[in-house]
């Protein structure tokens, strides 16, 4: 299991927004977007859309889904599943925990493995 990265407090990412943790900081080969979804929970996906090179953190969050800003592909924040065309490949998920007020990211630990 990878080590947790403290990415800030729950107040650092407004609900309906995302923060990008660069690959150099998260220790993986991809930037990771941490989303504060409308359900109040935090989720993390690789930041790059699986259909087109675009930042998912720049997309629109609705409920527990994010819409890519380029071609409107949607992904489930909980599972990474591609929900509509043109994306057909799921985005990789990463485990996120809230400990007190801190948001902890576990890069390369998928939600399924958590």
C-alpha atoms as a PDB file:
ATOM      1  CA  UNK A   1       0.000   0.000   0.000  1.00  0.00           C
ATOM      2  CA  UNK A   2       1.316   3.445  -0.817  1.00  0.00           C
ATOM      3  CA  UNK A   3       1.935   6.107   1.775  1.00  0.00           C
ATOM      4  CA  UNK A   4      -0.742   8.729   2.327  1.00  0.00           C
ATOM      5  CA  UNK A   5      -0.152  12.267   1.119  1.00  0.00           C
ATOM      6  CA  UNK A   6      -1.805  15.010   3.160  1.00  0.00           C
ATOM      7  CA  UNK A   7      -3.167  17.336   0.473  1.00  0.00           C
ATOM      8  CA  UNK A   8      -4.734  19.859   2.853  1.00  0.00           C
ATOM      9  CA  UNK A   9      -7.901  20.253   4.842  1.00  0.00           C
ATOM     10  CA  UNK A  10     -11.507  19.675   3.901  1.00  0.00           C
ATOM     11  CA  UNK A  11     -11.931  23.445   3.601  1.00  0.00           C
ATOM     12  CA  UNK A  12      -9.150  23.732   0.995  1.00  0.00           C
ATOM     13  CA  UNK A  13     -11.283  22.239  -1.805  1.00  0.00           C
ATOM     14  CA  UNK A  14     -14.726  23.780  -2.126  1.00  0.00           C
ATOM     15  CA  UNK A  15     -17.648  21.475  -2.809  1.00  0.00           C
ATOM     16  CA  UNK A  16     -18.048  21.093  -6.566  1.00  0.00           C
ATOM     17  CA  UNK A  17     -14.341  21.816  -7.174  1.00  0.00           C
ATOM     18  CA  UNK A  18     -11.154  19.800  -7.669  1.00  0.00           C
ATOM     19  CA  UNK A  19      -7.445  20.117  -6.946  1.00  0.00           C
ATOM     20  CA  UNK A  20      -4.685  18.609  -9.088  1.00  0.00           C
ATOM     21  CA  UNK A  21      -1.820  16.840  -7.340  1.00  0.00           C
ATOM     22  CA  UNK A  22       1.024  16.741  -9.897  1.00  0.00           C
ATOM     23  CA  UNK A  23       2.713  13.428 -10.725  1.00  0.00           C
ATOM     24  CA  UNK A  24       5.973  14.752  -9.258  1.00  0.00           C
ATOM     25  CA  UNK A  25       4.246  15.160  -5.897  1.00  0.00           C
ATOM     26  CA  UNK A  26       2.050  12.049  -5.902  1.00  0.00           C
ATOM     27  CA  UNK A  27       4.717   9.554  -7.003  1.00  0.00           C
ATOM     28  CA  UNK A  28       2.775   8.084  -9.934  1.00  0.00           C
ATOM     29  CA  UNK A  29       3.118   8.640 -13.666  1.00  0.00           C
ATOM     30  CA  UNK A  30      -0.074  10.756 -13.842  1.00  0.00           C
ATOM     31  CA  UNK A  31      -1.432  13.928 -12.320  1.00  0.00           C
ATOM     32  CA  UNK A  32      -4.278  13.072  -9.935  1.00  0.00           C
ATOM     33  CA  UNK A  33      -7.435  15.160  -9.517  1.00  0.00           C
ATOM     34  CA  UNK A  34      -9.034  15.148  -6.070  1.00  0.00           C
ATOM     35  CA  UNK A  35     -12.710  16.104  -6.284  1.00  0.00           C
ATOM     36  CA  UNK A  36     -15.001  17.401  -3.527  1.00  0.00           C
ATOM     37  CA  UNK A  37     -18.279  16.053  -4.855  1.00  0.00           C
ATOM     38  CA  UNK A  38     -21.761  17.417  -4.240  1.00  0.00           C
ATOM     39  CA  UNK A  39     -22.415  14.470  -1.889  1.00  0.00           C
ATOM     40  CA  UNK A  40     -19.797  15.981   0.449  1.00  0.00           C
ATOM     41  CA  UNK A  41     -17.262  13.201  -0.131  1.00  0.00           C
ATOM     42  CA  UNK A  42     -13.805  13.356  -1.703  1.00  0.00           C
ATOM     43  CA  UNK A  43     -12.814  11.188  -4.675  1.00  0.00           C
ATOM     44  CA  UNK A  44      -9.666  10.923  -6.789  1.00  0.00           C
ATOM     45  CA  UNK A  45      -9.146   9.984 -10.436  1.00  0.00           C
ATOM     46  CA  UNK A  46      -6.228  10.283 -12.825  1.00  0.00           C
ATOM     47  CA  UNK A  47      -6.615  13.831 -14.073  1.00  0.00           C
ATOM     48  CA  UNK A  48      -6.436  13.015 -17.795  1.00  0.00           C
ATOM     49  CA  UNK A  49      -9.627  12.073 -19.643  1.00  0.00           C
ATOM     50  CA  UNK A  50      -9.313   8.586 -21.151  1.00  0.00           C
ATOM     51  CA  UNK A  51     -10.764   9.783 -24.466  1.00  0.00           C
ATOM     52  CA  UNK A  52      -8.887  13.005 -25.137  1.00  0.00           C
ATOM     53  CA  UNK A  53      -6.003  14.730 -23.418  1.00  0.00           C
ATOM     54  CA  UNK A  54      -7.902  17.083 -21.134  1.00  0.00           C
ATOM     55  CA  UNK A  55      -7.867  17.814 -17.421  1.00  0.00           C
ATOM     56  CA  UNK A  56     -10.862  16.293 -15.635  1.00  0.00           C
ATOM     57  CA  UNK A  57     -10.259  18.792 -12.812  1.00  0.00           C
ATOM     58  CA  UNK A  58     -11.281  21.478 -15.330  1.00  0.00           C
ATOM     59  CA  UNK A  59     -14.560  19.662 -15.956  1.00  0.00           C
ATOM     60  CA  UNK A  60     -17.983  20.065 -14.392  1.00  0.00           C
ATOM     61  CA  UNK A  61     -18.974  18.147 -11.284  1.00  0.00           C
ATOM     62  CA  UNK A  62     -22.602  17.136 -10.915  1.00  0.00           C
ATOM     63  CA  UNK A  63     -23.528  14.829  -8.057  1.00  0.00           C
ATOM     64  CA  UNK A  64     -20.830  12.150  -8.110  1.00  0.00           C
ATOM     65  CA  UNK A  65     -19.933  12.538 -11.795  1.00  0.00           C
ATOM     66  CA  UNK A  66     -17.439  14.699 -13.639  1.00  0.00           C
ATOM     67  CA  UNK A  67     -17.881  15.832 -17.243  1.00  0.00           C
ATOM     68  CA  UNK A  68     -14.778  16.294 -19.378  1.00  0.00           C
ATOM     69  CA  UNK A  69     -14.457  19.880 -20.635  1.00  0.00           C
ATOM     70  CA  UNK A  70     -13.451  18.823 -24.168  1.00  0.00           C
ATOM     71  CA  UNK A  71     -16.019  16.347 -25.538  1.00  0.00           C
ATOM     72  CA  UNK A  72     -18.435  15.951 -22.589  1.00  0.00           C
ATOM     73  CA  UNK A  73     -17.504  12.392 -21.652  1.00  0.00           C
ATOM     74  CA  UNK A  74     -18.680  11.657 -18.108  1.00  0.00           C
ATOM     75  CA  UNK A  75     -17.004   9.596 -15.412  1.00  0.00           C
ATOM     76  CA  UNK A  76     -18.270   8.236 -12.106  1.00  0.00           C
ATOM     77  CA  UNK A  77     -16.160   9.731  -9.323  1.00  0.00           C
ATOM     78  CA  UNK A  78     -16.748   6.667  -7.126  1.00  0.00           C
ATOM     79  CA  UNK A  79     -15.602   3.995  -9.586  1.00  0.00           C
ATOM     80  CA  UNK A  80     -13.940   5.841 -12.487  1.00  0.00           C
ATOM     81  CA  UNK A  81     -16.389   4.185 -14.905  1.00  0.00           C
ATOM     82  CA  UNK A  82     -16.875   5.946 -18.235  1.00  0.00           C
ATOM     83  CA  UNK A  83     -20.587   6.764 -18.261  1.00  0.00           C
ATOM     84  CA  UNK A  84     -21.078   7.975 -21.825  1.00  0.00           C
ATOM     85  CA  UNK A  85     -19.447   8.340 -25.211  1.00  0.00           C
ATOM     86  CA  UNK A  86     -17.019   9.314 -26.432  1.00  0.00           C
ATOM     87  CA  UNK A  87     -15.098   7.799 -23.468  1.00  0.00           C
ATOM     88  CA  UNK A  88     -15.156   4.008 -23.297  1.00  0.00           C
ATOM     89  CA  UNK A  89     -12.270   3.391 -20.883  1.00  0.00           C
ATOM     90  CA  UNK A  90     -12.573   3.971 -17.134  1.00  0.00           C
ATOM     91  CA  UNK A  91     -10.358   6.485 -15.357  1.00  0.00           C
ATOM     92  CA  UNK A  92      -8.040   5.063 -12.700  1.00  0.00           C
ATOM     93  CA  UNK A  93      -9.256   5.719  -9.162  1.00  0.00           C
ATOM     94  CA  UNK A  94      -7.179   6.485  -6.075  1.00  0.00           C
ATOM     95  CA  UNK A  95      -8.142   6.049  -2.442  1.00  0.00           C
ATOM     96  CA  UNK A  96      -9.000   9.206  -0.467  1.00  0.00           C
ATOM     97  CA  UNK A  97      -9.671   9.387   3.269  1.00  0.00           C
ATOM     98  CA  UNK A  98     -10.670  12.207   5.551  1.00  0.00           C
ATOM     99  CA  UNK A  99      -8.956  12.108   8.940  1.00  0.00           C
ATOM    100  CA  UNK A 100     -10.299  14.825  11.196  1.00  0.00           C
ATOM    101  CA  UNK A 101      -9.993  17.897   8.985  1.00  0.00           C
ATOM    102  CA  UNK A 102      -7.207  16.476   6.771  1.00  0.00           C
ATOM    103  CA  UNK A 103      -7.702  15.022   3.279  1.00  0.00           C
ATOM    104  CA  UNK A 104      -5.352  12.098   2.662  1.00  0.00           C
ATOM    105  CA  UNK A 105      -4.604  10.767  -0.818  1.00  0.00           C
ATOM    106  CA  UNK A 106      -3.255   7.245  -1.336  1.00  0.00           C
ATOM    107  CA  UNK A 107      -1.817   7.352  -4.870  1.00  0.00           C
ATOM    108  CA  UNK A 108      -1.975   4.114  -6.849  1.00  0.00           C
ATOM    109  CA  UNK A 109      -4.302   2.487  -4.310  1.00  0.00           C
ATOM    110  CA  UNK A 110      -7.508   2.003  -6.240  1.00  0.00           C
ATOM    111  CA  UNK A 111     -10.881   2.276  -4.558  1.00  0.00           C
ATOM    112  CA  UNK A 112     -11.372  -1.422  -5.320  1.00  0.00           C
ATOM    113  CA  UNK A 113      -8.138  -2.314  -3.465  1.00  0.00           C
ATOM    114  CA  UNK A 114      -8.939  -0.067  -0.481  1.00  0.00           C
END
